[in-house]
Amino acid sequence: MTRTTESLTPELYDYLVAQGAPVDDVLADLVEETARLFPESKGMQIGPEQGTFTTLLTRMSGARDVVEIGTFTGYSSLCLARGLPDDGTLLALDVSEEWTSVARRYWERAKVADKITLRLGPALESLRALPEEPLFDLAFVDADKEGYVDYWEELVPRLRPGGIVLADNTLSHGRVVDASDTRAHVQGIRDFNARLVADDRVTQVLLPIGDGLTLARKN
């Protein structure tokens, strides 16, 4: 038994991925097309192990109504939708028609498009336009890091008791522990992590999956 998380070499990471559910042709093609169309956005898509984890958690939690903040080309939303029951719903919030036009095609190909409603525009405005009552069983946050605290404050009242929030990139590639790095997106993650630790409405853990994945459950 070890008291620390094992560091992952590239070889160990490849082994880890190989031990999970295989990535099917739909997801593999989405990864390839995203890399080809948007090479400057490398790293914005979640990894295969995180996608499988997201699908499993959605299914195991019994979530029926999900909201995603930051859709990009649709990998994470596709994984979330695959974990939903046939009558489940996913509200996907993003600002880019260009990115999400790719997502729409892959939702159709994966036969999950009927579960997903896409709303374009600033996510904070979209959230504030929703009734301030428990609407969602699960939320996935993977958008502008400076906005994480604001998204959090809008999400928690709209989560049902026992509802889950998943927030991506909460290690900021290790920069959260570098006090000399004061860039806004890094400080945004620090502020978010500190906010959760102080929030007695939830129980949370920061998992070393991908670039850090925070899992929080509403008490």
Protein backbone atom coordinates (compact mmCIF):
# COMPACT_ATOMS: atom_id res chain seq x y z
CA MET A 1 0.00 0.00 0.00
CA THR A 2 1.27 3.49 -0.89
CA ARG A 3 0.34 6.82 0.65
CA THR A 4 0.84 8.79 -2.57
CA THR A 5 -0.56 8.62 -6.09
CA GLU A 6 1.74 6.86 -8.54
CA SER A 7 3.44 9.11 -11.09
CA LEU A 8 2.57 8.14 -14.65
CA THR A 9 5.25 7.67 -17.27
CA PRO A 10 4.02 7.72 -20.88
CA GLU A 11 4.32 3.93 -20.93
CA LEU A 12 2.32 3.54 -17.71
CA TYR A 13 -0.33 5.94 -19.00
CA ASP A 14 -0.70 3.93 -22.22
CA TYR A 15 -1.08 0.79 -20.10
CA LEU A 16 -3.71 2.49 -17.92
CA VAL A 17 -5.75 3.50 -20.97
CA ALA A 18 -5.45 0.01 -22.46
CA GLN A 19 -7.00 -1.50 -19.33
CA GLY A 20 -10.16 0.57 -19.69
CA ALA A 21 -13.08 0.24 -22.07
CA PRO A 22 -11.81 0.61 -25.66
CA VAL A 23 -12.44 3.86 -27.49
CA ASP A 24 -14.90 3.16 -30.29
CA ASP A 25 -14.73 4.48 -33.86
CA VAL A 26 -17.01 7.44 -33.13
CA LEU A 27 -14.80 8.82 -30.37
CA ALA A 28 -11.59 7.97 -32.22
CA ASP A 29 -12.77 9.80 -35.32
CA LEU A 30 -13.86 12.78 -33.22
CA VAL A 31 -10.39 13.01 -31.68
CA GLU A 32 -8.75 12.83 -35.12
CA GLU A 33 -11.05 15.44 -36.69
CA THR A 34 -10.71 17.82 -33.75
CA ALA A 35 -6.91 17.64 -33.92
CA ARG A 36 -7.03 18.28 -37.67
CA LEU A 37 -9.52 21.16 -37.60
CA PHE A 38 -8.35 22.89 -34.43
CA PRO A 39 -4.64 22.16 -33.90
CA GLU A 40 -4.27 25.32 -31.82
CA SER A 41 -6.75 23.89 -29.29
CA LYS A 42 -4.67 20.87 -28.35
CA GLY A 43 -5.44 19.79 -24.81
CA MET A 44 -9.01 21.11 -24.72
CA GLN A 45 -10.45 17.63 -25.21
CA ILE A 46 -10.66 15.21 -22.28
CA GLY A 47 -8.66 11.99 -22.45
CA PRO A 48 -10.08 8.51 -23.08
CA GLU A 49 -9.81 7.38 -19.44
CA GLN A 50 -11.64 10.50 -18.30
CA GLY A 51 -14.34 9.93 -20.90
CA THR A 52 -14.92 6.38 -19.70
CA PHE A 53 -14.91 7.55 -16.07
CA THR A 54 -17.50 10.21 -16.93
CA THR A 55 -19.80 7.70 -18.64
CA LEU A 56 -19.51 5.24 -15.77
CA LEU A 57 -20.09 7.87 -13.08
CA THR A 58 -23.13 9.23 -14.90
CA ARG A 59 -24.59 5.74 -15.19
CA MET A 60 -23.69 4.61 -11.66
CA SER A 61 -25.09 7.77 -10.05
CA GLY A 62 -28.44 7.31 -11.77
CA ALA A 63 -28.26 10.84 -13.18
CA ARG A 64 -31.16 11.79 -15.42
CA ASP A 65 -30.62 15.52 -15.95
CA VAL A 66 -27.12 16.85 -16.64
CA VAL A 67 -25.62 20.22 -17.52
CA GLU A 68 -22.25 20.73 -19.20
CA ILE A 69 -20.37 24.04 -19.19
CA GLY A 70 -17.89 24.00 -22.05
CA THR A 71 -18.71 21.59 -24.87
CA PHE A 72 -15.94 22.21 -27.44
CA THR A 73 -16.31 19.52 -30.16
CA GLY A 74 -18.45 17.21 -28.07
CA TYR A 75 -16.26 14.44 -26.65
CA SER A 76 -17.30 14.94 -23.02
CA SER A 77 -20.96 15.56 -23.84
CA LEU A 78 -21.05 12.38 -25.91
CA CYS A 79 -19.60 10.45 -22.96
CA LEU A 80 -22.09 12.02 -20.55
CA ALA A 81 -25.04 11.30 -22.84
CA ARG A 82 -23.99 7.66 -23.18
CA GLY A 83 -24.30 7.32 -19.40
CA LEU A 84 -27.84 8.68 -19.32
CA PRO A 85 -31.01 6.57 -19.49
CA ASP A 86 -33.09 6.74 -22.65
CA ASP A 87 -35.19 9.59 -21.26
CA GLY A 88 -32.21 11.47 -19.79
CA THR A 89 -31.37 15.06 -20.73
CA LEU A 90 -28.13 16.96 -21.20
CA LEU A 91 -28.01 20.76 -21.46
CA ALA A 92 -24.76 21.69 -23.22
CA LEU A 93 -23.54 25.29 -22.86
CA ASP A 94 -20.88 26.79 -25.12
CA VAL A 95 -20.08 30.00 -27.00
CA SER A 96 -18.77 28.59 -30.29
CA GLU A 97 -20.93 27.62 -33.23
CA GLU A 98 -17.80 26.44 -35.07
CA TRP A 99 -16.74 23.99 -32.37
CA THR A 100 -20.21 22.72 -31.57
CA SER A 101 -21.11 22.17 -35.23
CA VAL A 102 -18.62 19.31 -35.05
CA ALA A 103 -20.19 18.11 -31.81
CA ARG A 104 -23.66 18.01 -33.38
CA ARG A 105 -22.49 15.71 -36.16
CA TYR A 106 -20.93 13.26 -33.72
CA TRP A 107 -23.94 13.32 -31.39
CA GLU A 108 -26.03 12.29 -34.37
CA ARG A 109 -23.58 9.58 -35.38
CA ALA A 110 -23.50 8.22 -31.81
CA LYS A 111 -27.32 8.32 -31.67
CA VAL A 112 -27.41 10.50 -28.54
CA ALA A 113 -28.51 13.78 -30.17
CA ASP A 114 -32.08 13.37 -28.93
CA LYS A 115 -30.83 13.63 -25.33
CA ILE A 116 -28.83 16.84 -25.85
CA THR A 117 -29.96 20.46 -25.98
CA LEU A 118 -27.25 22.90 -27.07
CA ARG A 119 -27.46 26.50 -25.90
CA LEU A 120 -24.99 28.96 -27.40
CA GLY A 121 -23.95 32.07 -25.49
CA PRO A 122 -22.12 32.98 -22.30
CA ALA A 123 -22.65 30.05 -19.93
CA LEU A 124 -23.09 32.26 -16.88
CA GLU A 125 -25.99 34.05 -18.55
CA SER A 126 -27.52 30.74 -19.59
CA LEU A 127 -27.28 29.40 -16.03
CA ARG A 128 -28.75 32.54 -14.50
CA ALA A 129 -31.68 32.32 -16.91
CA LEU A 130 -32.63 28.92 -15.44
CA PRO A 131 -34.98 28.66 -12.44
CA GLU A 132 -33.04 28.80 -9.18
CA GLU A 133 -34.26 25.42 -8.00
CA PRO A 134 -32.88 21.87 -8.06
CA LEU A 135 -32.84 20.88 -11.74
CA PHE A 136 -29.76 18.72 -12.26
CA ASP A 137 -28.29 15.49 -10.98
CA LEU A 138 -24.83 16.08 -12.42
CA ALA A 139 -22.79 18.97 -13.83
CA PHE A 140 -19.55 18.91 -15.79
CA VAL A 141 -17.43 22.08 -15.89
CA ASP A 142 -14.65 22.48 -18.46
CA ALA A 143 -14.68 26.09 -19.63
CA ASP A 144 -12.82 29.35 -18.93
CA LYS A 145 -10.97 28.87 -15.67
CA GLU A 146 -11.51 32.43 -14.48
CA GLY A 147 -15.24 31.71 -14.44
CA TYR A 148 -15.19 28.52 -12.36
CA VAL A 149 -16.15 30.16 -9.05
CA ASP A 150 -19.07 32.00 -10.66
CA TYR A 151 -20.25 28.83 -12.38
CA TRP A 152 -20.04 27.00 -9.07
CA GLU A 153 -22.21 29.53 -7.27
CA GLU A 154 -24.89 29.23 -9.95
CA LEU A 155 -24.70 25.44 -10.13
CA VAL A 156 -24.95 24.42 -6.48
CA PRO A 157 -28.48 25.82 -5.89
CA ARG A 158 -29.58 24.08 -9.09
CA LEU A 159 -28.25 20.67 -8.03
CA ARG A 160 -30.54 18.13 -6.45
CA PRO A 161 -29.49 16.71 -3.06
CA GLY A 162 -26.80 14.13 -3.74
CA GLY A 163 -26.05 15.79 -7.07
CA ILE A 164 -22.52 15.73 -8.45
CA VAL A 165 -20.23 18.34 -9.96
CA LEU A 166 -17.20 17.31 -12.01
CA ALA A 167 -14.70 20.11 -12.70
CA ASP A 168 -11.80 19.57 -15.09
CA ASN A 169 -8.25 21.00 -15.07
CA THR A 170 -8.18 21.63 -11.33
CA LEU A 171 -4.43 21.00 -11.12
CA SER A 172 -3.71 23.47 -13.93
CA HIS A 173 -0.82 21.30 -15.13
CA GLY A 174 0.82 21.61 -11.73
CA ARG A 175 0.84 25.40 -11.77
CA VAL A 176 -1.53 25.66 -8.79
CA VAL A 177 1.42 25.09 -6.45
CA ASP A 178 3.70 27.59 -8.20
CA ALA A 179 3.15 30.81 -6.26
CA SER A 180 5.07 32.79 -8.88
CA ASP A 181 2.46 31.97 -11.54
CA THR A 182 -0.20 34.63 -11.10
CA ARG A 183 -1.87 34.35 -14.50
CA ALA A 184 -5.64 34.76 -14.36
CA HIS A 185 -6.52 31.23 -15.49
CA VAL A 186 -4.19 29.68 -12.90
CA GLN A 187 -5.46 31.93 -10.11
CA GLY A 188 -9.00 31.11 -11.20
CA ILE A 189 -8.37 27.44 -10.48
CA ARG A 190 -6.71 28.24 -7.14
CA ASP A 191 -9.72 30.33 -6.16
CA PHE A 192 -12.10 27.57 -7.22
CA ASN A 193 -10.25 24.88 -5.28
CA ALA A 194 -10.15 27.08 -2.16
CA ARG A 195 -13.84 27.87 -2.52
CA LEU A 196 -14.78 24.19 -2.53
CA VAL A 197 -12.68 23.39 0.53
CA ALA A 198 -14.55 26.12 2.42
CA ASP A 199 -18.03 25.17 1.13
CA ASP A 200 -19.97 23.09 3.67
CA ARG A 201 -22.73 22.43 1.13
CA VAL A 202 -20.62 19.73 -0.50
CA THR A 203 -18.11 16.96 0.06
CA GLN A 204 -15.31 16.99 -2.50
CA VAL A 205 -12.14 15.26 -3.64
CA LEU A 206 -9.55 16.33 -6.21
CA LEU A 207 -8.56 13.29 -8.26
CA PRO A 208 -5.32 13.02 -10.26
CA ILE A 209 -7.15 12.12 -13.46
CA GLY A 210 -5.99 13.99 -16.55
CA ASP A 211 -5.08 17.52 -15.47
CA GLY A 212 -6.96 17.12 -12.19
CA LEU A 213 -10.63 16.26 -11.90
CA THR A 214 -12.59 17.51 -8.91
CA LEU A 215 -15.61 15.48 -7.86
CA ALA A 216 -18.03 17.17 -5.46
CA ARG A 217 -21.31 15.83 -4.06
CA LYS A 218 -24.02 18.10 -2.71
CA ASN A 219 -24.80 17.15 0.88
